[in-house]
Amino acid sequence: MWILKFAITIAVNAFTLVGLSKWLPGFNLASLDYKQVILAAVIFTVLNSILKPILKMVLGPVIIFTLGLGLIVVNMIVLYVLDLIVENITIEGPLTLLYASLILGGVNFLLHFISHQRK
């Protein structure tokens, strides 16, 4: 069951990355080749699964002190690491990084919420 959830998350992240590249100025995918987009989505999903919880632990006091707004910084860090790792993705400027992290974070939150409602 977790494999299906992981595959759906990868697919949703891939569609979101393509959508961001089309509609968010400064967020560029060098190639819309489906293999590269899927690879970027897999890397992003793995980063969300491994790096994000570690960052939440480290930045826990900041997240609590800012009443949850620190989670935006966590999402921005994860997306910035994705930009560093994947050559196909280019994020130009901190405002684009902020908007992209808000959109990706919102999409992943909705996906997580919907998947837990079905239990």
N, C-alpha and C. Protein backbone atom coordinates (compact mmCIF):
# COMPACT_ATOMS: atom_id res chain seq x y z
N MET A 1 0.82 -1.20 0.00
CA MET A 1 0.00 0.00 0.00
C MET A 1 0.86 1.27 0.00
N TRP A 2 1.97 1.22 0.73
CA TRP A 2 2.83 2.41 0.79
C TRP A 2 3.50 2.68 -0.56
N ILE A 3 3.70 1.62 -1.35
CA ILE A 3 4.30 1.81 -2.68
C ILE A 3 3.34 2.59 -3.57
N LEU A 4 2.05 2.28 -3.49
CA LEU A 4 1.05 3.00 -4.27
C LEU A 4 1.00 4.47 -3.84
N LYS A 5 1.02 4.70 -2.54
CA LYS A 5 1.01 6.08 -2.03
C LYS A 5 2.26 6.84 -2.49
N PHE A 6 3.41 6.18 -2.47
CA PHE A 6 4.66 6.79 -2.92
C PHE A 6 4.59 7.11 -4.41
N ALA A 7 4.04 6.20 -5.21
CA ALA A 7 3.92 6.41 -6.65
C ALA A 7 2.96 7.56 -6.96
N ILE A 8 1.85 7.64 -6.23
CA ILE A 8 0.91 8.74 -6.43
C ILE A 8 1.55 10.07 -6.06
N THR A 9 2.32 10.08 -4.97
CA THR A 9 3.01 11.30 -4.55
C THR A 9 4.01 11.75 -5.62
N ILE A 10 4.73 10.81 -6.19
CA ILE A 10 5.68 11.13 -7.25
C ILE A 10 4.94 11.72 -8.46
N ALA A 11 3.83 11.11 -8.84
CA ALA A 11 3.06 11.59 -9.99
C ALA A 11 2.53 13.00 -9.74
N VAL A 12 1.99 13.24 -8.56
CA VAL A 12 1.46 14.57 -8.23
C VAL A 12 2.58 15.60 -8.21
N ASN A 13 3.73 15.24 -7.64
CA ASN A 13 4.87 16.16 -7.62
C ASN A 13 5.38 16.44 -9.03
N ALA A 14 5.37 15.44 -9.89
CA ALA A 14 5.81 15.64 -11.28
C ALA A 14 4.88 16.62 -11.99
N PHE A 15 3.57 16.44 -11.85
CA PHE A 15 2.63 17.36 -12.47
C PHE A 15 2.77 18.77 -11.90
N THR A 16 3.01 18.86 -10.60
CA THR A 16 3.18 20.18 -9.98
C THR A 16 4.45 20.86 -10.47
N LEU A 17 5.54 20.12 -10.61
CA LEU A 17 6.78 20.70 -11.13
C LEU A 17 6.60 21.21 -12.55
N VAL A 18 5.90 20.44 -13.38
CA VAL A 18 5.65 20.88 -14.76
C VAL A 18 4.75 22.12 -14.75
N GLY A 19 3.74 22.12 -13.90
CA GLY A 19 2.86 23.29 -13.80
C GLY A 19 3.61 24.53 -13.34
N LEU A 20 4.49 24.36 -12.37
CA LEU A 20 5.29 25.49 -11.90
C LEU A 20 6.17 26.04 -13.03
N SER A 21 6.74 25.14 -13.81
CA SER A 21 7.62 25.59 -14.89
C SER A 21 6.85 26.36 -15.96
N LYS A 22 5.57 26.03 -16.11
CA LYS A 22 4.78 26.71 -17.14
C LYS A 22 4.20 28.04 -16.65
N TRP A 23 3.84 28.12 -15.36
CA TRP A 23 3.09 29.28 -14.89
C TRP A 23 3.82 30.17 -13.89
N LEU A 24 4.94 29.74 -13.36
CA LEU A 24 5.66 30.56 -12.39
C LEU A 24 6.94 31.09 -13.03
N PRO A 25 6.98 32.39 -13.29
CA PRO A 25 8.20 32.96 -13.89
C PRO A 25 9.40 32.76 -12.97
N GLY A 26 10.51 32.33 -13.52
CA GLY A 26 11.71 32.11 -12.75
C GLY A 26 11.90 30.66 -12.31
N PHE A 27 10.86 29.84 -12.48
CA PHE A 27 10.97 28.41 -12.17
C PHE A 27 11.06 27.69 -13.51
N ASN A 28 12.23 27.15 -13.80
CA ASN A 28 12.46 26.59 -15.13
C ASN A 28 12.86 25.12 -15.06
N LEU A 29 12.25 24.35 -15.92
CA LEU A 29 12.69 22.98 -16.19
C LEU A 29 13.38 23.03 -17.55
N ALA A 30 14.66 22.69 -17.59
CA ALA A 30 15.41 22.79 -18.84
C ALA A 30 14.82 21.90 -19.92
N SER A 31 14.27 20.77 -19.52
CA SER A 31 13.67 19.85 -20.47
C SER A 31 12.40 19.28 -19.87
N LEU A 32 11.36 19.19 -20.67
CA LEU A 32 10.13 18.57 -20.19
C LEU A 32 10.06 17.10 -20.57
N ASP A 33 11.23 16.50 -20.78
CA ASP A 33 11.31 15.07 -21.03
C ASP A 33 10.76 14.35 -19.80
N TYR A 34 9.83 13.43 -20.02
CA TYR A 34 9.14 12.82 -18.89
C TYR A 34 10.08 12.06 -17.96
N LYS A 35 11.16 11.49 -18.49
CA LYS A 35 12.10 10.77 -17.62
C LYS A 35 12.79 11.72 -16.66
N GLN A 36 13.19 12.89 -17.14
CA GLN A 36 13.85 13.86 -16.27
C GLN A 36 12.88 14.46 -15.27
N VAL A 37 11.65 14.69 -15.68
CA VAL A 37 10.64 15.23 -14.77
C VAL A 37 10.33 14.21 -13.67
N ILE A 38 10.19 12.94 -14.05
CA ILE A 38 9.92 11.89 -13.06
C ILE A 38 11.11 11.76 -12.10
N LEU A 39 12.33 11.82 -12.63
CA LEU A 39 13.51 11.75 -11.77
C LEU A 39 13.53 12.90 -10.78
N ALA A 40 13.22 14.11 -11.23
CA ALA A 40 13.16 15.26 -10.34
C ALA A 40 12.07 15.07 -9.29
N ALA A 41 10.93 14.53 -9.68
CA ALA A 41 9.84 14.28 -8.74
C ALA A 41 10.21 13.21 -7.72
N VAL A 42 10.93 12.17 -8.16
CA VAL A 42 11.38 11.13 -7.23
C VAL A 42 12.36 11.73 -6.22
N ILE A 43 13.30 12.52 -6.69
CA ILE A 43 14.28 13.14 -5.79
C ILE A 43 13.57 14.07 -4.81
N PHE A 44 12.61 14.86 -5.30
CA PHE A 44 11.87 15.76 -4.41
C PHE A 44 11.09 14.98 -3.37
N THR A 45 10.45 13.89 -3.78
CA THR A 45 9.67 13.08 -2.84
C THR A 45 10.57 12.45 -1.79
N VAL A 46 11.74 11.98 -2.20
CA VAL A 46 12.69 11.40 -1.24
C VAL A 46 13.21 12.47 -0.29
N LEU A 47 13.51 13.65 -0.80
CA LEU A 47 13.94 14.75 0.06
C LEU A 47 12.85 15.12 1.06
N ASN A 48 11.60 15.12 0.60
CA ASN A 48 10.49 15.40 1.51
C ASN A 48 10.35 14.33 2.58
N SER A 49 10.69 13.10 2.23
CA SER A 49 10.55 11.99 3.17
C SER A 49 11.71 11.90 4.16
N ILE A 50 12.89 12.32 3.75
CA ILE A 50 14.07 12.15 4.60
C ILE A 50 14.57 13.48 5.17
N LEU A 51 14.81 14.46 4.31
CA LEU A 51 15.40 15.71 4.76
C LEU A 51 14.42 16.58 5.55
N LYS A 52 13.18 16.62 5.12
CA LYS A 52 12.19 17.49 5.75
C LYS A 52 11.98 17.15 7.24
N PRO A 53 11.82 15.88 7.62
CA PRO A 53 11.68 15.60 9.06
C PRO A 53 12.91 15.98 9.88
N ILE A 54 14.10 15.83 9.29
CA ILE A 54 15.32 16.21 9.99
C ILE A 54 15.34 17.73 10.20
N LEU A 55 15.00 18.47 9.16
CA LEU A 55 14.96 19.92 9.27
C LEU A 55 13.90 20.37 10.27
N LYS A 56 12.77 19.68 10.32
CA LYS A 56 11.73 20.02 11.29
C LYS A 56 12.22 19.82 12.72
N MET A 57 13.00 18.77 12.93
CA MET A 57 13.55 18.55 14.27
C MET A 57 14.55 19.63 14.63
N VAL A 58 15.46 19.93 13.71
CA VAL A 58 16.50 20.92 13.97
C VAL A 58 15.89 22.31 14.17
N LEU A 59 14.93 22.65 13.32
CA LEU A 59 14.32 23.98 13.38
C LEU A 59 13.03 24.01 14.19
N GLY A 60 12.81 22.99 15.00
CA GLY A 60 11.60 22.90 15.82
C GLY A 60 11.31 24.14 16.64
N PRO A 61 12.30 24.66 17.39
CA PRO A 61 12.03 25.87 18.18
C PRO A 61 11.63 27.07 17.31
N VAL A 62 12.25 27.20 16.15
CA VAL A 62 11.90 28.31 15.25
C VAL A 62 10.48 28.13 14.74
N ILE A 63 10.12 26.90 14.41
CA ILE A 63 8.76 26.62 13.92
C ILE A 63 7.74 26.93 14.99
N ILE A 64 8.01 26.54 16.22
CA ILE A 64 7.09 26.82 17.32
C ILE A 64 7.01 28.32 17.60
N PHE A 65 8.16 28.98 17.64
CA PHE A 65 8.21 30.41 17.94
C PHE A 65 7.47 31.24 16.89
N THR A 66 7.53 30.81 15.64
CA THR A 66 6.87 31.55 14.55
C THR A 66 5.45 31.03 14.30
N LEU A 67 4.95 30.18 15.18
CA LEU A 67 3.61 29.61 15.08
C LEU A 67 3.37 28.89 13.75
N GLY A 68 4.39 28.15 13.32
CA GLY A 68 4.28 27.33 12.13
C GLY A 68 4.81 27.95 10.86
N LEU A 69 5.06 29.25 10.87
CA LEU A 69 5.56 29.89 9.66
C LEU A 69 6.97 29.43 9.31
N GLY A 70 7.69 28.88 10.28
CA GLY A 70 9.02 28.33 10.01
C GLY A 70 8.96 27.14 9.06
N LEU A 71 7.79 26.52 8.93
CA LEU A 71 7.65 25.41 7.99
C LEU A 71 7.85 25.87 6.55
N ILE A 72 7.55 27.13 6.29
CA ILE A 72 7.79 27.68 4.95
C ILE A 72 9.28 27.68 4.66
N VAL A 73 10.07 28.03 5.68
CA VAL A 73 11.53 28.01 5.52
C VAL A 73 12.02 26.59 5.28
N VAL A 74 11.45 25.62 5.98
CA VAL A 74 11.81 24.22 5.78
C VAL A 74 11.51 23.80 4.35
N ASN A 75 10.33 24.16 3.84
CA ASN A 75 9.96 23.83 2.45
C ASN A 75 10.90 24.51 1.46
N MET A 76 11.29 25.75 1.77
CA MET A 76 12.20 26.46 0.88
C MET A 76 13.57 25.79 0.85
N ILE A 77 14.04 25.32 2.00
CA ILE A 77 15.34 24.64 2.05
C ILE A 77 15.30 23.36 1.23
N VAL A 78 14.23 22.59 1.38
CA VAL A 78 14.10 21.33 0.62
C VAL A 78 14.08 21.62 -0.88
N LEU A 79 13.34 22.64 -1.28
CA LEU A 79 13.28 22.97 -2.70
C LEU A 79 14.61 23.51 -3.20
N TYR A 80 15.32 24.26 -2.37
CA TYR A 80 16.63 24.77 -2.76
C TYR A 80 17.62 23.61 -2.94
N VAL A 81 17.56 22.61 -2.06
CA VAL A 81 18.42 21.43 -2.20
C VAL A 81 18.08 20.70 -3.49
N LEU A 82 16.79 20.63 -3.83
CA LEU A 82 16.39 20.02 -5.10
C LEU A 82 17.00 20.79 -6.27
N ASP A 83 16.99 22.11 -6.18
CA ASP A 83 17.59 22.94 -7.23
C ASP A 83 19.09 22.67 -7.35
N LEU A 84 19.75 22.43 -6.25
CA LEU A 84 21.19 22.14 -6.28
C LEU A 84 21.49 20.76 -6.86
N ILE A 85 20.64 19.80 -6.56
CA ILE A 85 20.88 18.41 -6.96
C ILE A 85 20.52 18.17 -8.42
N VAL A 86 19.36 18.66 -8.84
CA VAL A 86 18.83 18.36 -10.18
C VAL A 86 19.25 19.46 -11.14
N GLU A 87 20.01 19.09 -12.15
CA GLU A 87 20.49 20.06 -13.14
C GLU A 87 19.36 20.59 -14.01
N ASN A 88 18.30 19.84 -14.14
CA ASN A 88 17.18 20.19 -15.01
C ASN A 88 16.35 21.35 -14.44
N ILE A 89 16.45 21.61 -13.13
CA ILE A 89 15.62 22.63 -12.48
C ILE A 89 16.47 23.85 -12.16
N THR A 90 15.92 25.02 -12.48
CA THR A 90 16.56 26.28 -12.13
C THR A 90 15.52 27.17 -11.47
N ILE A 91 15.83 27.64 -10.27
CA ILE A 91 14.95 28.56 -9.56
C ILE A 91 15.68 29.89 -9.45
N GLU A 92 15.11 30.92 -10.03
CA GLU A 92 15.76 32.22 -10.10
C GLU A 92 15.17 33.16 -9.05
N GLY A 93 15.91 33.37 -7.98
CA GLY A 93 15.53 34.36 -6.99
C GLY A 93 14.76 33.81 -5.82
N PRO A 94 14.85 34.51 -4.69
CA PRO A 94 14.20 34.03 -3.47
C PRO A 94 12.67 34.12 -3.53
N LEU A 95 12.13 35.09 -4.27
CA LEU A 95 10.68 35.20 -4.36
C LEU A 95 10.08 34.02 -5.13
N THR A 96 10.74 33.62 -6.19
CA THR A 96 10.30 32.43 -6.94
C THR A 96 10.41 31.19 -6.06
N LEU A 97 11.49 31.09 -5.29
CA LEU A 97 11.66 29.97 -4.37
C LEU A 97 10.54 29.95 -3.34
N LEU A 98 10.17 31.12 -2.82
CA LEU A 98 9.08 31.21 -1.85
C LEU A 98 7.75 30.75 -2.46
N TYR A 99 7.42 31.30 -3.63
CA TYR A 99 6.15 30.93 -4.27
C TYR A 99 6.11 29.44 -4.61
N ALA A 100 7.20 28.93 -5.15
CA ALA A 100 7.24 27.51 -5.52
C ALA A 100 7.11 26.62 -4.29
N SER A 101 7.77 27.00 -3.20
CA SER A 101 7.69 26.18 -1.99
C SER A 101 6.29 26.25 -1.38
N LEU A 102 5.63 27.41 -1.47
CA LEU A 102 4.25 27.51 -0.98
C LEU A 102 3.31 26.63 -1.80
N ILE A 103 3.48 26.65 -3.12
CA ILE A 103 2.61 25.86 -3.98
C ILE A 103 2.86 24.37 -3.79
N LEU A 104 4.14 23.96 -3.82
CA LEU A 104 4.46 22.54 -3.63
C LEU A 104 4.06 22.07 -2.23
N GLY A 105 4.30 22.90 -1.23
CA GLY A 105 3.90 22.55 0.13
C GLY A 105 2.39 22.40 0.26
N GLY A 106 1.64 23.31 -0.38
CA GLY A 106 0.19 23.23 -0.34
C GLY A 106 -0.34 21.99 -1.05
N VAL A 107 0.23 21.68 -2.20
CA VAL A 107 -0.19 20.48 -2.94
C VAL A 107 0.11 19.23 -2.14
N ASN A 108 1.31 19.15 -1.55
CA ASN A 108 1.66 17.97 -0.75
C ASN A 108 0.82 17.88 0.51
N PHE A 109 0.46 19.02 1.11
CA PHE A 109 -0.41 19.02 2.28
C PHE A 109 -1.79 18.46 1.90
N LEU A 110 -2.34 18.92 0.77
CA LEU A 110 -3.64 18.41 0.33
C LEU A 110 -3.58 16.92 0.03
N LEU A 111 -2.52 16.49 -0.62
CA LEU A 111 -2.36 15.07 -0.92
C LEU A 111 -2.28 14.25 0.37
N HIS A 112 -1.51 14.73 1.33
CA HIS A 112 -1.38 14.05 2.62
C HIS A 112 -2.73 14.02 3.35
N PHE A 113 -3.45 15.13 3.32
CA PHE A 113 -4.76 15.22 3.99
C PHE A 113 -5.75 14.26 3.35
N ILE A 114 -5.80 14.24 2.03
CA ILE A 114 -6.74 13.35 1.33
C ILE A 114 -6.39 11.88 1.57
N SER A 115 -5.12 11.56 1.55
CA SER A 115 -4.73 10.15 1.74
C SER A 115 -5.02 9.67 3.16
N HIS A 116 -5.00 10.56 4.13
CA HIS A 116 -5.31 10.14 5.50
C HIS A 116 -6.80 10.15 5.80
N GLN A 117 -7.60 10.79 4.97
CA GLN A 117 -9.05 10.76 5.14
C GLN A 117 -9.64 9.44 4.70
N ARG A 118 -8.93 8.73 3.85
CA ARG A 118 -9.44 7.48 3.29
C ARG A 118 -9.27 6.31 4.25
N LYS A 119 -8.53 6.48 5.31
CA LYS A 119 -8.28 5.35 6.23
C LYS A 119 -9.47 5.00 7.04
